[in-house]
Amino acid sequence: MSRALISRATDKIKDEVDAWRSRPLDKIYAVLMIDAIVLKVRDGAVSNRPVYIAVGINLEGERDVLGTWVGTGGESAKQWMTWLAELRNRGIQGALISCCDGLKGCRTR
């Protein structure tokens, strides 16, 4: 596929993706799972960047990808706090269980 084809395809769905990324979320999730994976990302040059993902399981047992974000450095608790604040601003008030991989700074109160 050419770069032009990829650009045209992403331009056509950009508004839908933006609407999905800012949609209101449920107030409570039974489970909130957060993690990141480091991938090679091309943004001018190729670099290793963390891709953060938050997945919720609602009270009916349905899974939902709540958000994805591409970071700039390694995975960090500080960056997670930014993404979790965004989820809170979109309506999440809490989760019965939160799952993460022991990232320092992501602890329960």
C-alpha atoms as a PDB file:
ATOM      1  CA  MET A   1       0.000   0.000   0.000  1.00  0.00           C
ATOM      2  CA  SER A   2       1.193   3.478  -0.725  1.00  0.00           C
ATOM      3  CA  ARG A   3       1.551   6.250   1.836  1.00  0.00           C
ATOM      4  CA  ALA A   4      -1.081   8.239  -0.058  1.00  0.00           C
ATOM      5  CA  LEU A   5      -3.596   5.382   0.250  1.00  0.00           C
ATOM      6  CA  ILE A   6      -2.959   5.081   3.994  1.00  0.00           C
ATOM      7  CA  SER A   7      -3.339   8.868   4.391  1.00  0.00           C
ATOM      8  CA  ARG A   8      -6.622   8.922   2.472  1.00  0.00           C
ATOM      9  CA  ALA A   9      -8.008   6.011   4.507  1.00  0.00           C
ATOM     10  CA  THR A  10      -7.080   7.539   7.865  1.00  0.00           C
ATOM     11  CA  ASP A  11      -8.408  10.948   6.822  1.00  0.00           C
ATOM     12  CA  LYS A  12     -11.805   9.362   6.056  1.00  0.00           C
ATOM     13  CA  ILE A  13     -12.201   7.857   9.535  1.00  0.00           C
ATOM     14  CA  LYS A  14     -10.500  10.599  11.596  1.00  0.00           C
ATOM     15  CA  ASP A  15     -13.793  12.195  12.737  1.00  0.00           C
ATOM     16  CA  GLU A  16     -15.191   8.824  13.815  1.00  0.00           C
ATOM     17  CA  VAL A  17     -12.023   7.977  15.741  1.00  0.00           C
ATOM     18  CA  ASP A  18     -12.045  11.385  17.455  1.00  0.00           C
ATOM     19  CA  ALA A  19     -15.693  10.861  18.480  1.00  0.00           C
ATOM     20  CA  TRP A  20     -14.863   7.383  19.833  1.00  0.00           C
ATOM     21  CA  ARG A  21     -11.880   8.710  21.799  1.00  0.00           C
ATOM     22  CA  SER A  22     -13.995  11.378  23.518  1.00  0.00           C
ATOM     23  CA  ARG A  23     -17.215   9.409  24.084  1.00  0.00           C
ATOM     24  CA  PRO A  24     -18.711   9.402  27.597  1.00  0.00           C
ATOM     25  CA  LEU A  25     -17.912   6.318  29.683  1.00  0.00           C
ATOM     26  CA  ASP A  26     -19.821   4.379  32.351  1.00  0.00           C
ATOM     27  CA  LYS A  27     -19.561   5.661  35.915  1.00  0.00           C
ATOM     28  CA  ILE A  28     -18.501   2.310  37.393  1.00  0.00           C
ATOM     29  CA  TYR A  29     -16.626  -0.614  35.868  1.00  0.00           C
ATOM     30  CA  ALA A  30     -16.357  -4.035  37.472  1.00  0.00           C
ATOM     31  CA  VAL A  31     -12.752  -4.307  36.262  1.00  0.00           C
ATOM     32  CA  LEU A  32     -10.338  -1.714  34.891  1.00  0.00           C
ATOM     33  CA  MET A  33      -7.202  -3.132  33.239  1.00  0.00           C
ATOM     34  CA  ILE A  34      -4.311  -0.885  32.250  1.00  0.00           C
ATOM     35  CA  ASP A  35      -1.060  -1.796  30.551  1.00  0.00           C
ATOM     36  CA  ALA A  36       1.401  -0.608  27.949  1.00  0.00           C
ATOM     37  CA  ILE A  37       3.469  -2.252  25.271  1.00  0.00           C
ATOM     38  CA  VAL A  38       6.527  -0.738  23.631  1.00  0.00           C
ATOM     39  CA  LEU A  39       6.274  -0.708  19.840  1.00  0.00           C
ATOM     40  CA  LYS A  40       8.312   0.715  17.018  1.00  0.00           C
ATOM     41  CA  VAL A  41       6.488   3.835  15.807  1.00  0.00           C
ATOM     42  CA  ARG A  42       7.292   5.786  12.658  1.00  0.00           C
ATOM     43  CA  ASP A  43       6.872   9.516  13.160  1.00  0.00           C
ATOM     44  CA  GLY A  44       9.455  10.879  10.760  1.00  0.00           C
ATOM     45  CA  ALA A  45      11.984   8.438  12.198  1.00  0.00           C
ATOM     46  CA  VAL A  46      11.371   5.026  13.778  1.00  0.00           C
ATOM     47  CA  SER A  47      11.535   4.988  17.573  1.00  0.00           C
ATOM     48  CA  ASN A  48      10.439   2.748  20.427  1.00  0.00           C
ATOM     49  CA  ARG A  49       7.390   4.265  22.115  1.00  0.00           C
ATOM     50  CA  PRO A  50       4.946   2.975  24.702  1.00  0.00           C
ATOM     51  CA  VAL A  51       1.373   2.426  23.583  1.00  0.00           C
ATOM     52  CA  TYR A  52      -0.918   2.647  26.609  1.00  0.00           C
ATOM     53  CA  ILE A  53      -4.287   0.873  26.680  1.00  0.00           C
ATOM     54  CA  ALA A  54      -7.153   0.883  29.178  1.00  0.00           C
ATOM     55  CA  VAL A  55      -9.818  -1.818  28.997  1.00  0.00           C
ATOM     56  CA  GLY A  56     -12.912  -1.897  31.165  1.00  0.00           C
ATOM     57  CA  ILE A  57     -15.347  -4.674  31.937  1.00  0.00           C
ATOM     58  CA  ASN A  58     -18.720  -3.132  32.707  1.00  0.00           C
ATOM     59  CA  LEU A  59     -21.211  -4.386  35.289  1.00  0.00           C
ATOM     60  CA  GLU A  60     -22.920  -6.509  32.605  1.00  0.00           C
ATOM     61  CA  GLY A  61     -19.621  -8.312  31.869  1.00  0.00           C
ATOM     62  CA  GLU A  62     -18.949  -6.639  28.513  1.00  0.00           C
ATOM     63  CA  ARG A  63     -15.410  -5.593  27.620  1.00  0.00           C
ATOM     64  CA  ASP A  64     -14.722  -2.143  26.208  1.00  0.00           C
ATOM     65  CA  VAL A  65     -11.508  -0.499  25.102  1.00  0.00           C
ATOM     66  CA  LEU A  66     -11.717   2.791  26.989  1.00  0.00           C
ATOM     67  CA  GLY A  67      -8.699   4.444  25.442  1.00  0.00           C
ATOM     68  CA  THR A  68      -5.353   4.060  23.709  1.00  0.00           C
ATOM     69  CA  TRP A  69      -2.512   6.555  23.768  1.00  0.00           C
ATOM     70  CA  VAL A  70       0.994   6.689  22.319  1.00  0.00           C
ATOM     71  CA  GLY A  71       3.576   7.970  24.800  1.00  0.00           C
ATOM     72  CA  THR A  72       6.963   9.513  24.200  1.00  0.00           C
ATOM     73  CA  GLY A  73       9.340   7.718  26.582  1.00  0.00           C
ATOM     74  CA  GLY A  74       9.160   4.561  28.636  1.00  0.00           C
ATOM     75  CA  GLU A  75       6.034   3.502  30.494  1.00  0.00           C
ATOM     76  CA  SER A  76       5.621   5.630  33.602  1.00  0.00           C
ATOM     77  CA  ALA A  77       3.169   6.033  36.457  1.00  0.00           C
ATOM     78  CA  LYS A  78       3.149   9.797  35.846  1.00  0.00           C
ATOM     79  CA  GLN A  79       1.954   9.270  32.277  1.00  0.00           C
ATOM     80  CA  TRP A  80      -0.659   6.796  33.492  1.00  0.00           C
ATOM     81  CA  MET A  81      -2.002   9.410  35.907  1.00  0.00           C
ATOM     82  CA  THR A  82      -2.566  11.718  32.916  1.00  0.00           C
ATOM     83  CA  TRP A  83      -4.489   9.028  31.018  1.00  0.00           C
ATOM     84  CA  LEU A  84      -6.501   8.002  34.091  1.00  0.00           C
ATOM     85  CA  ALA A  85      -7.443  11.651  34.675  1.00  0.00           C
ATOM     86  CA  GLU A  86      -8.727  11.752  31.096  1.00  0.00           C
ATOM     87  CA  LEU A  87     -10.874   8.683  31.770  1.00  0.00           C
ATOM     88  CA  ARG A  88     -12.204  10.324  34.944  1.00  0.00           C
ATOM     89  CA  ASN A  89     -13.056  13.454  32.960  1.00  0.00           C
ATOM     90  CA  ARG A  90     -15.013  11.256  30.531  1.00  0.00           C
ATOM     91  CA  GLY A  91     -17.200   9.942  33.353  1.00  0.00           C
ATOM     92  CA  ILE A  92     -15.502   7.071  35.189  1.00  0.00           C
ATOM     93  CA  GLN A  93     -15.936   7.413  38.941  1.00  0.00           C
ATOM     94  CA  GLY A  94     -14.527   4.078  40.011  1.00  0.00           C
ATOM     95  CA  ALA A  95     -13.775   0.424  39.428  1.00  0.00           C
ATOM     96  CA  LEU A  96     -14.393  -2.521  41.722  1.00  0.00           C
ATOM     97  CA  ILE A  97     -11.099  -4.149  40.666  1.00  0.00           C
ATOM     98  CA  SER A  98      -8.159  -2.468  38.985  1.00  0.00           C
ATOM     99  CA  CYS A  99      -5.457  -4.535  37.314  1.00  0.00           C
ATOM    100  CA  CYS A 100      -1.958  -3.387  36.434  1.00  0.00           C
ATOM    101  CA  ASP A 101       1.451  -5.015  36.329  1.00  0.00           C
ATOM    102  CA  GLY A 102       2.968  -3.540  39.491  1.00  0.00           C
ATOM    103  CA  LEU A 103       3.908  -0.184  38.002  1.00  0.00           C
ATOM    104  CA  LYS A 104       5.263   2.025  40.787  1.00  0.00           C
ATOM    105  CA  GLY A 105       2.825   4.812  41.580  1.00  0.00           C
ATOM    106  CA  CYS A 106      -0.249   2.840  40.505  1.00  0.00           C
ATOM    107  CA  ARG A 107      -1.494   1.658  43.851  1.00  0.00           C
ATOM    108  CA  THR A 108      -4.836   1.614  45.580  1.00  0.00           C
ATOM    109  CA  ARG A 109      -5.808   3.973  48.329  1.00  0.00           C
END
